Amino acid sequence: MPLIIEGGRVPPRWAERSLPSARLGDHDARPECVRIAFINNMPDAALEDTELQFFELLDAASGDLPVVLKLHSLTGVPRGERGRQHVNSFYCSTDDLLNNQFDAVIMTGTEPQQPNLRNEPYWSALANVLDWAESNTVSTILSCLAAHASVLHSDGIERHPLVDKQFGVFDFARVGYHELTNGAAERVRFPHSRWNEVRSDALTASGYLVLTQSTEGGVDSFVKKKKRSLFVHFQGHPEYGAQTLLREYRRDVKRFLKGERETYPSIPKGYFDAEATKLLAEFQDAVIGDRREDLMGGFPDAALAGTVQKTWHASATGIYRNWLRYVVMNKLGMPELSAVASIRDNVQRKRSALH
């Protein structure tokens, strides 16, 4: 069933792809409909790409389940003129969010400007939404920086800076069993792009259940029930498109050539094949001693674009499908059905481990 954008104000890139019924439908009258507040705080350069990524993921995961999104953005997120125009055209305010009823929330991160997240200009608005979501939603998804902000606000868990950017597609082991990971493989791959991390020991000490993690990639996903709402945290980006990491890498290279960063960016791990990696190394060798923005004309975009694949698509769709099922079951007062599925999955895996 097509994804529905509430209010008829459909961002143009999704309007081009969606069916008319996705823009005009009234499926929200069905009891199993999931009504989601989508809070997109990404910087202007990634604002519309992020919309499309989440819309495509939810559309793929929903199947026959009607899903209705209403778009919001936090007050205080820095915007340029184009970003402000887009938000004003298609997004609602935080006040609208807090005075409405939703089954669930999805909140993206943004690019931090302050070492202490509490000093960000949108912190107060973000904290108000997190407090509201605990009592007024069935579940809340927090992506990347929003996940860090959530655990800082509710449990005082500080994030830790990394020596280098955690950048690429990483393998993660399934270490916690939950309804959200039903049917998932023992190892999954997801993209990450971050300069900071929250650590497993601090999370478990505060009652969080870590679902996926690895030695190289750190903690990937973790959950905790906060009052009524199951808070689902992703340090990575299951929603990313096939070329998102390529665009981010290109942006970071451009920032280096413009003098906006001191070090040349590391190539994203587990993402490019050997030939693509060779092309990127050759470009780096050619420009690293002569930092000029106009050299970006030689960046091998066309050659690289066809080499990258969305290897995490099935895992991302699976966990979001399970999340939508969790929301519906709990919304309809049938959480035991979801719990039974989780128990059955655990039993099957224990039996497999014995053979």
Protein backbone atom coordinates (compact mmCIF):
# COMPACT_ATOMS: atom_id res chain seq x y z
CA MET A 1 0.00 0.00 0.00
CA PRO A 2 1.47 3.38 -0.98
CA LEU A 3 2.91 5.67 1.67
CA ILE A 4 0.66 8.62 2.45
CA ILE A 5 1.90 12.14 3.23
CA GLU A 6 -0.65 13.83 5.45
CA GLY A 7 -2.03 17.21 4.47
CA GLY A 8 -1.43 16.88 0.74
CA ARG A 9 1.86 18.82 0.87
CA VAL A 10 4.05 16.21 -0.77
CA PRO A 11 7.75 17.02 -1.36
CA PRO A 12 8.34 17.09 -5.12
CA ARG A 13 10.86 14.26 -5.37
CA TRP A 14 8.42 11.86 -3.69
CA ALA A 15 5.44 13.23 -5.64
CA GLU A 16 7.24 12.26 -8.85
CA ARG A 17 7.54 8.64 -7.69
CA SER A 18 4.35 8.01 -5.72
CA LEU A 19 0.93 6.99 -6.98
CA PRO A 20 -1.94 9.48 -6.85
CA SER A 21 -3.58 7.45 -4.06
CA ALA A 22 -0.48 8.01 -1.95
CA ARG A 23 -1.17 11.71 -2.07
CA LEU A 24 -4.93 11.64 -1.74
CA GLY A 25 -5.73 8.50 0.24
CA ASP A 26 -7.89 8.39 3.36
CA HIS A 27 -6.57 5.06 4.67
CA ASP A 28 -5.88 6.60 8.07
CA ALA A 29 -9.45 5.62 9.06
CA ARG A 30 -8.37 1.96 9.23
CA PRO A 31 -7.53 0.85 12.80
CA GLU A 32 -4.27 -0.81 11.74
CA CYS A 33 -3.02 2.39 10.07
CA VAL A 34 0.28 3.65 11.50
CA ARG A 35 0.44 7.43 11.84
CA ILE A 36 4.04 8.63 12.12
CA ALA A 37 5.52 12.04 12.87
CA PHE A 38 8.64 12.26 10.71
CA ILE A 39 11.00 14.88 12.21
CA ASN A 40 13.69 15.67 9.68
CA ASN A 41 16.51 17.80 11.10
CA MET A 42 19.16 17.10 8.47
CA PRO A 43 21.19 20.03 7.09
CA ASP A 44 19.96 21.67 3.91
CA ALA A 45 22.32 19.72 1.64
CA ALA A 46 20.87 16.38 2.83
CA LEU A 47 17.33 17.46 3.70
CA GLU A 48 15.56 16.23 0.56
CA ASP A 49 17.77 13.16 0.11
CA THR A 50 16.91 12.09 3.66
CA GLU A 51 13.20 12.50 2.99
CA LEU A 52 13.41 10.25 -0.01
CA GLN A 53 15.51 7.63 1.78
CA PHE A 54 13.07 7.27 4.67
CA PHE A 55 10.01 7.40 2.41
CA GLU A 56 11.40 4.61 0.22
CA LEU A 57 12.34 2.48 3.22
CA LEU A 58 8.95 2.84 4.90
CA ASP A 59 7.18 2.21 1.60
CA ALA A 60 9.16 -1.01 1.08
CA ALA A 61 8.64 -2.17 4.67
CA SER A 62 4.93 -1.41 4.97
CA GLY A 63 3.58 -4.00 2.52
CA ASP A 64 -0.23 -3.92 2.83
CA LEU A 65 -0.08 -1.82 5.99
CA PRO A 66 -1.25 1.79 5.56
CA VAL A 67 1.37 4.26 6.80
CA VAL A 68 0.67 7.98 7.08
CA LEU A 69 3.49 10.50 7.62
CA LYS A 70 3.26 14.07 8.81
CA LEU A 71 6.45 16.05 8.33
CA HIS A 72 8.02 18.17 11.08
CA SER A 73 11.31 19.91 11.78
CA LEU A 74 12.74 21.15 15.06
CA THR A 75 12.88 24.85 15.82
CA GLY A 76 16.46 26.07 15.98
CA VAL A 77 18.06 23.83 13.33
CA PRO A 78 20.27 26.15 11.22
CA ARG A 79 18.88 26.66 7.70
CA GLY A 80 19.84 28.56 4.59
CA GLU A 81 17.28 30.17 2.31
CA ARG A 82 16.56 27.03 0.26
CA GLY A 83 16.22 24.88 3.38
CA ARG A 84 13.86 27.36 5.01
CA GLN A 85 11.72 27.50 1.88
CA HIS A 86 11.47 23.71 1.73
CA VAL A 87 10.65 23.34 5.43
CA ASN A 88 8.08 26.14 5.28
CA SER A 89 6.45 24.56 2.23
CA PHE A 90 6.20 20.95 3.43
CA TYR A 91 6.85 20.75 7.18
CA CYS A 92 4.88 21.59 10.32
CA SER A 93 6.13 23.13 13.54
CA THR A 94 7.05 21.42 16.79
CA ASP A 95 3.96 22.97 18.40
CA ASP A 96 1.80 21.17 15.84
CA LEU A 97 3.53 17.91 16.76
CA LEU A 98 3.01 18.26 20.50
CA ASN A 99 -0.67 19.10 20.05
CA ASN A 100 -1.39 16.10 17.84
CA GLN A 101 -1.67 12.34 18.30
CA PHE A 102 0.72 9.94 16.62
CA ASP A 103 1.42 6.24 16.93
CA ALA A 104 5.14 6.69 16.40
CA VAL A 105 7.95 9.16 15.75
CA ILE A 106 11.02 8.97 13.53
CA MET A 107 13.61 11.66 14.25
CA THR A 108 16.76 12.19 12.21
CA GLY A 109 20.00 13.71 13.40
CA THR A 110 21.74 16.77 12.06
CA GLU A 111 25.32 18.00 11.78
CA PRO A 112 26.42 19.11 15.28
CA GLN A 113 28.01 22.52 15.75
CA GLN A 114 28.83 22.27 19.46
CA PRO A 115 30.95 19.71 21.37
CA ASN A 116 28.18 19.55 24.01
CA LEU A 117 24.84 18.74 22.43
CA ARG A 118 23.04 20.58 25.23
CA ASN A 119 24.44 23.82 23.77
CA GLU A 120 22.87 23.31 20.35
CA PRO A 121 20.18 25.93 19.56
CA TYR A 122 17.55 23.23 19.01
CA TRP A 123 18.28 21.32 22.25
CA SER A 124 15.26 22.60 24.18
CA ALA A 125 12.86 21.74 21.35
CA LEU A 126 14.46 18.31 20.94
CA ALA A 127 14.21 17.54 24.68
CA ASN A 128 10.54 18.55 24.68
CA VAL A 129 9.82 16.15 21.81
CA LEU A 130 11.65 13.29 23.53
CA ASP A 131 9.71 13.84 26.77
CA TRP A 132 6.44 14.03 24.85
CA ALA A 133 7.20 10.87 22.86
CA GLU A 134 7.76 8.76 25.98
CA SER A 135 4.12 9.11 27.01
CA ASN A 136 2.38 9.77 23.71
CA THR A 137 3.72 7.20 21.23
CA VAL A 138 3.98 3.44 20.93
CA SER A 139 7.54 3.69 19.64
CA THR A 140 10.17 6.27 18.70
CA ILE A 141 13.06 5.82 16.26
CA LEU A 142 16.16 7.99 16.76
CA SER A 143 18.76 8.16 14.01
CA CYS A 144 22.48 8.88 14.56
CA LEU A 145 22.84 12.25 16.37
CA ALA A 146 19.22 12.01 17.57
CA ALA A 147 20.13 8.68 19.22
CA HIS A 148 23.04 10.35 21.01
CA ALA A 149 20.82 13.21 22.11
CA SER A 150 18.17 10.82 23.41
CA VAL A 151 20.46 8.84 25.71
CA LEU A 152 22.15 12.04 26.91
CA HIS A 153 18.83 13.64 27.77
CA SER A 154 17.18 10.69 29.52
CA ASP A 155 20.16 8.87 31.05
CA GLY A 156 23.09 11.28 30.98
CA ILE A 157 25.11 8.99 28.68
CA GLU A 158 27.84 11.01 27.02
CA ARG A 159 29.08 10.34 23.50
CA HIS A 160 32.80 9.82 22.89
CA PRO A 161 34.77 11.35 20.00
CA LEU A 162 36.44 8.92 17.59
CA VAL A 163 39.98 9.18 16.27
CA ASP A 164 38.63 9.07 12.70
CA LYS A 165 35.18 9.15 11.16
CA GLN A 166 33.26 5.86 11.47
CA PHE A 167 32.51 5.77 7.78
CA GLY A 168 31.43 2.92 5.54
CA VAL A 169 29.40 -0.27 5.59
CA PHE A 170 30.16 -2.50 8.56
CA ASP A 171 29.29 -6.07 9.57
CA PHE A 172 27.41 -6.40 12.87
CA ALA A 173 26.58 -9.46 14.94
CA ARG A 174 23.09 -9.90 16.28
CA VAL A 175 23.73 -9.89 20.05
CA GLY A 176 20.29 -9.09 21.47
CA TYR A 177 17.02 -10.84 20.65
CA HIS A 178 13.92 -8.72 20.31
CA GLU A 179 10.79 -8.41 18.17
CA LEU A 180 12.66 -5.95 15.97
CA THR A 181 15.27 -8.49 14.93
CA ASN A 182 12.90 -11.39 14.21
CA GLY A 183 14.00 -13.10 11.02
CA ALA A 184 17.30 -11.22 10.85
CA ALA A 185 20.50 -13.06 10.02
CA GLU A 186 23.10 -13.56 12.73
CA ARG A 187 25.22 -10.96 10.94
CA VAL A 188 23.89 -7.86 9.20
CA ARG A 189 25.51 -4.96 7.32
CA PHE A 190 24.61 -1.30 7.78
CA PRO A 191 26.15 2.05 6.76
CA HIS A 192 27.60 4.38 9.39
CA SER A 193 28.79 7.97 9.11
CA ARG A 194 29.71 9.61 12.44
CA TRP A 195 32.52 11.19 14.43
CA ASN A 196 31.27 10.08 17.86
CA GLU A 197 29.90 6.99 19.56
CA VAL A 198 27.98 5.82 22.60
CA ARG A 199 29.40 2.64 24.10
CA SER A 200 27.88 -0.70 24.99
CA ASP A 201 28.91 -0.72 28.66
CA ALA A 202 27.27 2.65 29.38
CA LEU A 203 24.11 1.62 27.53
CA THR A 204 23.66 -1.72 29.27
CA ALA A 205 24.36 -0.14 32.66
CA SER A 206 21.41 2.18 32.03
CA GLY A 207 19.01 -0.59 30.98
CA TYR A 208 19.37 -0.51 27.20
CA LEU A 209 19.35 -3.72 25.18
CA VAL A 210 22.02 -3.71 22.48
CA LEU A 211 20.70 -5.50 19.40
CA THR A 212 23.62 -5.37 16.95
CA GLN A 213 27.29 -4.52 17.37
CA SER A 214 30.81 -5.45 16.27
CA THR A 215 34.42 -4.83 17.25
CA GLU A 216 35.10 -2.65 14.22
CA GLY A 217 31.74 -0.92 13.91
CA GLY A 218 30.89 -0.49 17.59
CA VAL A 219 27.26 -0.45 18.70
CA ASP A 220 24.83 -0.35 15.80
CA SER A 221 21.30 -0.51 17.27
CA PHE A 222 19.82 -0.58 20.77
CA VAL A 223 16.41 -0.24 22.46
CA LYS A 224 14.82 0.73 25.76
CA LYS A 225 11.22 1.09 26.89
CA LYS A 226 10.66 4.60 28.22
CA LYS A 227 7.26 4.92 29.86
CA ARG A 228 4.81 3.94 27.11
CA SER A 229 7.19 4.17 24.15
CA LEU A 230 9.84 1.74 22.90
CA PHE A 231 12.80 3.95 21.98
CA VAL A 232 14.76 2.45 19.07
CA HIS A 233 18.22 3.91 18.48
CA PHE A 234 20.41 3.58 15.39
CA GLN A 235 23.96 4.91 15.47
CA GLY A 236 24.06 4.09 11.76
CA HIS A 237 21.80 4.71 8.80
CA PRO A 238 19.69 1.76 7.57
CA GLU A 239 17.78 4.25 5.42
CA TYR A 240 20.77 5.27 3.27
CA GLY A 241 20.54 4.90 -0.49
CA ALA A 242 23.16 3.09 -2.56
CA GLN A 243 25.07 6.30 -3.43
CA THR A 244 24.68 8.22 -0.16
CA LEU A 245 28.13 7.34 1.20
CA LEU A 246 29.65 8.24 -2.17
CA ARG A 247 28.04 11.69 -2.03
CA GLU A 248 29.22 12.18 1.56
CA TYR A 249 32.77 11.16 0.67
CA ARG A 250 32.77 13.53 -2.31
CA ARG A 251 31.51 16.34 -0.04
CA ASP A 252 34.31 15.66 2.47
CA VAL A 253 36.94 15.66 -0.30
CA LYS A 254 35.58 18.99 -1.52
CA ARG A 255 35.77 20.41 1.99
CA PHE A 256 39.42 19.37 2.16
CA LEU A 257 40.25 21.03 -1.16
CA LYS A 258 38.46 24.21 -0.02
CA GLY A 259 40.47 24.25 3.21
CA GLU A 260 37.42 23.60 5.40
CA ARG A 261 39.02 20.50 6.94
CA GLU A 262 42.67 19.76 7.67
CA THR A 263 42.93 16.07 6.75
CA TYR A 264 42.04 14.23 3.57
CA PRO A 265 39.00 12.01 4.32
CA SER A 266 39.38 8.26 4.69
CA ILE A 267 37.72 6.11 2.01
CA PRO A 268 34.51 4.54 3.39
CA LYS A 269 35.15 0.96 4.50
CA GLY A 270 33.38 -2.05 3.00
CA TYR A 271 31.70 0.04 0.32
CA PHE A 272 33.83 0.40 -2.82
CA ASP A 273 35.27 -2.49 -4.81
CA ALA A 274 39.00 -2.78 -5.58
CA GLU A 275 38.84 -0.91 -8.89
CA ALA A 276 36.86 1.99 -7.39
CA THR A 277 39.27 2.17 -4.45
CA LYS A 278 42.18 2.38 -6.88
CA LEU A 279 40.53 5.29 -8.75
CA LEU A 280 39.98 7.16 -5.50
CA ALA A 281 43.56 6.60 -4.36
CA GLU A 282 44.83 7.93 -7.70
CA PHE A 283 42.65 11.04 -7.36
CA GLN A 284 43.91 11.60 -3.81
CA ASP A 285 47.55 11.33 -4.94
CA ALA A 286 46.87 13.86 -7.70
CA VAL A 287 45.27 16.57 -5.52
CA ILE A 288 46.58 16.20 -1.99
CA GLY A 289 49.59 18.44 -2.60
CA ASP A 290 47.62 21.08 -4.57
CA ARG A 291 44.46 21.99 -2.65
CA ARG A 292 42.15 23.80 -5.08
CA GLU A 293 38.36 23.42 -5.30
CA ASP A 294 38.40 23.42 -9.10
CA LEU A 295 40.22 20.07 -9.01
CA MET A 296 36.91 18.45 -8.01
CA GLY A 297 36.15 18.42 -11.72
CA GLY A 298 38.41 15.39 -11.96
CA PHE A 299 36.67 13.42 -9.23
CA PRO A 300 35.57 10.09 -10.84
CA ASP A 301 31.84 10.35 -10.05
CA ALA A 302 30.57 8.60 -13.16
CA ALA A 303 32.99 5.70 -12.86
CA LEU A 304 32.15 5.17 -9.17
CA ALA A 305 28.36 5.48 -9.26
CA GLY A 306 27.81 2.18 -11.04
CA THR A 307 30.05 0.23 -8.67
CA VAL A 308 28.18 0.77 -5.39
CA GLN A 309 25.29 -1.40 -4.23
CA LYS A 310 22.74 -1.18 -1.44
CA THR A 311 23.87 -4.39 0.24
CA TRP A 312 21.96 -3.53 3.44
CA HIS A 313 18.54 -3.16 1.79
CA ALA A 314 17.06 -6.49 2.95
CA SER A 315 18.26 -6.03 6.54
CA ALA A 316 16.95 -2.45 6.69
CA THR A 317 13.57 -3.40 5.24
CA GLY A 318 13.28 -6.33 7.66
CA ILE A 319 13.92 -4.34 10.82
CA TYR A 320 11.55 -1.55 9.76
CA ARG A 321 8.89 -4.11 8.83
CA ASN A 322 9.22 -5.60 12.31
CA TRP A 323 9.04 -2.13 13.82
CA LEU A 324 5.81 -1.30 12.00
CA ARG A 325 4.36 -4.63 13.15
CA TYR A 326 5.38 -3.83 16.74
CA VAL A 327 3.62 -0.45 16.53
CA VAL A 328 0.43 -1.96 15.11
CA MET A 329 0.26 -4.84 17.60
CA ASN A 330 0.75 -2.53 20.56
CA LYS A 331 -1.58 0.11 19.18
CA LEU A 332 -4.34 -2.49 18.85
CA GLY A 333 -3.65 -3.88 22.33
CA MET A 334 -2.15 -7.15 21.10
CA PRO A 335 1.51 -6.96 22.20
CA GLU A 336 1.43 -10.64 23.16
CA LEU A 337 1.30 -11.63 19.47
CA SER A 338 4.53 -9.79 18.82
CA ALA A 339 6.08 -11.28 21.95
CA VAL A 340 5.11 -14.82 20.87
CA ALA A 341 6.88 -14.28 17.55
CA SER A 342 10.00 -13.14 19.39
CA ILE A 343 9.97 -16.17 21.73
CA ARG A 344 9.48 -18.54 18.79
CA ASP A 345 12.40 -16.93 16.97
CA ASN A 346 14.65 -17.30 20.02
CA VAL A 347 13.72 -20.97 20.47
CA GLN A 348 14.44 -21.73 16.83
CA ARG A 349 17.87 -20.12 17.07
CA LYS A 350 18.76 -21.99 20.25
CA ARG A 351 17.79 -25.27 18.57
CA SER A 352 19.93 -24.38 15.55
CA ALA A 353 22.89 -23.67 17.83
CA LEU A 354 22.66 -27.20 19.25
CA HIS A 355 23.05 -28.86 15.86
